[in-house]
C-alpha atoms as a PDB file:
ATOM      1  CA  UNK A   1       7.553  -8.355  -1.787  1.00  0.00           C
ATOM      2  CA  UNK A   2       8.651  -5.101  -3.408  1.00  0.00           C
ATOM      3  CA  UNK A   3      11.109  -2.758  -1.719  1.00  0.00           C
ATOM      4  CA  UNK A   4       8.370  -0.112  -1.424  1.00  0.00           C
ATOM      5  CA  UNK A   5       5.958  -2.550   0.210  1.00  0.00           C
ATOM      6  CA  UNK A   6       8.664  -3.785   2.594  1.00  0.00           C
ATOM      7  CA  UNK A   7       9.600  -0.231   3.579  1.00  0.00           C
ATOM      8  CA  UNK A   8       5.988   0.838   3.979  1.00  0.00           C
ATOM      9  CA  UNK A   9       4.972  -2.136   6.092  1.00  0.00           C
ATOM     10  CA  UNK A  10       8.090  -1.776   8.244  1.00  0.00           C
ATOM     11  CA  UNK A  11       7.442   1.941   8.830  1.00  0.00           C
ATOM     12  CA  UNK A  12       7.726   2.343  12.624  1.00  0.00           C
ATOM     13  CA  UNK A  13       5.266   5.256  12.595  1.00  0.00           C
ATOM     14  CA  UNK A  14       2.308   3.113  11.520  1.00  0.00           C
ATOM     15  CA  UNK A  15      -0.054   2.227  14.398  1.00  0.00           C
ATOM     16  CA  UNK A  16       0.644  -1.264  15.708  1.00  0.00           C
ATOM     17  CA  UNK A  17      -0.449  -3.641  18.420  1.00  0.00           C
ATOM     18  CA  UNK A  18       1.961  -6.433  19.354  1.00  0.00           C
ATOM     19  CA  UNK A  19       3.914  -5.694  16.178  1.00  0.00           C
ATOM     20  CA  UNK A  20       0.886  -6.037  13.874  1.00  0.00           C
ATOM     21  CA  UNK A  21      -0.597  -3.145  11.913  1.00  0.00           C
ATOM     22  CA  UNK A  22      -3.881  -1.947  13.393  1.00  0.00           C
ATOM     23  CA  UNK A  23      -6.795  -0.311  11.618  1.00  0.00           C
ATOM     24  CA  UNK A  24      -9.925   1.073  13.257  1.00  0.00           C
ATOM     25  CA  UNK A  25     -11.852   1.095   9.974  1.00  0.00           C
ATOM     26  CA  UNK A  26     -11.494  -0.890   6.730  1.00  0.00           C
ATOM     27  CA  UNK A  27     -10.826   2.273   4.700  1.00  0.00           C
ATOM     28  CA  UNK A  28      -7.582   2.783   6.644  1.00  0.00           C
ATOM     29  CA  UNK A  29      -6.103  -0.475   5.396  1.00  0.00           C
ATOM     30  CA  UNK A  30      -7.272   0.358   1.877  1.00  0.00           C
ATOM     31  CA  UNK A  31      -5.622   3.800   2.101  1.00  0.00           C
ATOM     32  CA  UNK A  32      -2.340   2.099   3.033  1.00  0.00           C
ATOM     33  CA  UNK A  33      -2.674  -0.332   0.122  1.00  0.00           C
ATOM     34  CA  UNK A  34      -3.478   2.501  -2.312  1.00  0.00           C
ATOM     35  CA  UNK A  35      -0.468   4.518  -1.161  1.00  0.00           C
ATOM     36  CA  UNK A  36       1.840   1.513  -1.581  1.00  0.00           C
ATOM     37  CA  UNK A  37       0.415   0.718  -5.024  1.00  0.00           C
ATOM     38  CA  UNK A  38       0.759   4.327  -6.211  1.00  0.00           C
ATOM     39  CA  UNK A  39       4.341   4.630  -5.018  1.00  0.00           C
ATOM     40  CA  UNK A  40       5.187   1.348  -6.790  1.00  0.00           C
ATOM     41  CA  UNK A  41       3.357   2.268 -10.020  1.00  0.00           C
ATOM     42  CA  UNK A  42       4.911   5.711 -10.184  1.00  0.00           C
ATOM     43  CA  UNK A  43       8.355   4.220  -9.471  1.00  0.00           C
ATOM     44  CA  UNK A  44       8.873   6.536  -6.496  1.00  0.00           C
ATOM     45  CA  UNK A  45      10.326   6.013  -3.047  1.00  0.00           C
ATOM     46  CA  UNK A  46       8.238   5.476   0.078  1.00  0.00           C
ATOM     47  CA  UNK A  47       9.741   8.687   1.485  1.00  0.00           C
ATOM     48  CA  UNK A  48       8.033  10.563  -1.372  1.00  0.00           C
ATOM     49  CA  UNK A  49       4.723   9.643   0.243  1.00  0.00           C
ATOM     50  CA  UNK A  50       5.947   9.997   3.840  1.00  0.00           C
ATOM     51  CA  UNK A  51       6.845  13.669   3.313  1.00  0.00           C
ATOM     52  CA  UNK A  52       3.170  14.317   2.513  1.00  0.00           C
ATOM     53  CA  UNK A  53       2.140  12.460   5.661  1.00  0.00           C
ATOM     54  CA  UNK A  54       4.594  14.417   7.787  1.00  0.00           C
ATOM     55  CA  UNK A  55       3.298  17.680   6.315  1.00  0.00           C
ATOM     56  CA  UNK A  56      -0.340  16.677   6.937  1.00  0.00           C
ATOM     57  CA  UNK A  57       0.430  15.846  10.570  1.00  0.00           C
ATOM     58  CA  UNK A  58       2.398  19.076  11.014  1.00  0.00           C
ATOM     59  CA  UNK A  59      -0.491  21.094   9.517  1.00  0.00           C
ATOM     60  CA  UNK A  60      -3.002  19.714  12.043  1.00  0.00           C
ATOM     61  CA  UNK A  61      -1.254  17.871  14.891  1.00  0.00           C
ATOM     62  CA  UNK A  62      -4.555  17.176  16.690  1.00  0.00           C
ATOM     63  CA  UNK A  63      -6.187  15.550  13.657  1.00  0.00           C
ATOM     64  CA  UNK A  64      -6.589  11.751  13.959  1.00  0.00           C
ATOM     65  CA  UNK A  65      -3.642   9.862  12.413  1.00  0.00           C
ATOM     66  CA  UNK A  66      -5.593   8.119   9.664  1.00  0.00           C
ATOM     67  CA  UNK A  67      -7.358  11.357   8.708  1.00  0.00           C
ATOM     68  CA  UNK A  68      -3.899  12.857   8.210  1.00  0.00           C
ATOM     69  CA  UNK A  69      -3.031   9.764   6.180  1.00  0.00           C
ATOM     70  CA  UNK A  70      -6.016  10.352   3.867  1.00  0.00           C
ATOM     71  CA  UNK A  71      -5.094  14.037   3.532  1.00  0.00           C
ATOM     72  CA  UNK A  72      -1.521  13.049   2.659  1.00  0.00           C
ATOM     73  CA  UNK A  73      -2.727  10.522   0.088  1.00  0.00           C
ATOM     74  CA  UNK A  74      -4.928  13.192  -1.485  1.00  0.00           C
ATOM     75  CA  UNK A  75      -1.948  15.592  -1.723  1.00  0.00           C
ATOM     76  CA  UNK A  76       0.307  12.823  -3.067  1.00  0.00           C
ATOM     77  CA  UNK A  77      -2.174  12.005  -5.837  1.00  0.00           C
ATOM     78  CA  UNK A  78      -2.637  15.701  -6.651  1.00  0.00           C
ATOM     79  CA  UNK A  79       1.132  16.128  -7.014  1.00  0.00           C
ATOM     80  CA  UNK A  80       1.903  13.020  -9.036  1.00  0.00           C
ATOM     81  CA  UNK A  81      -1.366  12.453 -10.912  1.00  0.00           C
ATOM     82  CA  UNK A  82      -2.787  15.953 -11.325  1.00  0.00           C
ATOM     83  CA  UNK A  83      -5.501  14.830 -13.769  1.00  0.00           C
ATOM     84  CA  UNK A  84      -6.745  11.987 -11.557  1.00  0.00           C
ATOM     85  CA  UNK A  85     -10.240  12.209 -10.158  1.00  0.00           C
ATOM     86  CA  UNK A  86     -10.179  12.185  -6.350  1.00  0.00           C
ATOM     87  CA  UNK A  87     -13.514  11.814  -4.538  1.00  0.00           C
ATOM     88  CA  UNK A  88     -14.647  15.018  -2.787  1.00  0.00           C
ATOM     89  CA  UNK A  89     -13.718  15.084   0.912  1.00  0.00           C
ATOM     90  CA  UNK A  90     -11.367  12.112   0.487  1.00  0.00           C
ATOM     91  CA  UNK A  91      -9.156  13.595   3.195  1.00  0.00           C
ATOM     92  CA  UNK A  92     -11.980  13.334   5.740  1.00  0.00           C
ATOM     93  CA  UNK A  93     -13.208   9.795   5.124  1.00  0.00           C
ATOM     94  CA  UNK A  94     -13.588   8.905   8.778  1.00  0.00           C
ATOM     95  CA  UNK A  95     -16.394  11.390   9.172  1.00  0.00           C
ATOM     96  CA  UNK A  96     -14.825  13.136  12.161  1.00  0.00           C
END
């Protein structure tokens, strides 16, 4: 397991139940996997993604956690892959 993957999966801020990661919807697990893959591919540190997540949560503290996650992933991609195509409304995938 890569260092990024180990750090990401050990992140104490991720929602857990009995020590296991929990996802309410399949897209949430995919968003985590995409974030890990991007950080690895771009040869960045997990904290490079986490700062986007922290900013997304700070911007809208009442927004659901995984919606903030999607918003952070969108911002992360925009910063590091500015020519990448991101689906419209990616940051609001849960529909809430």
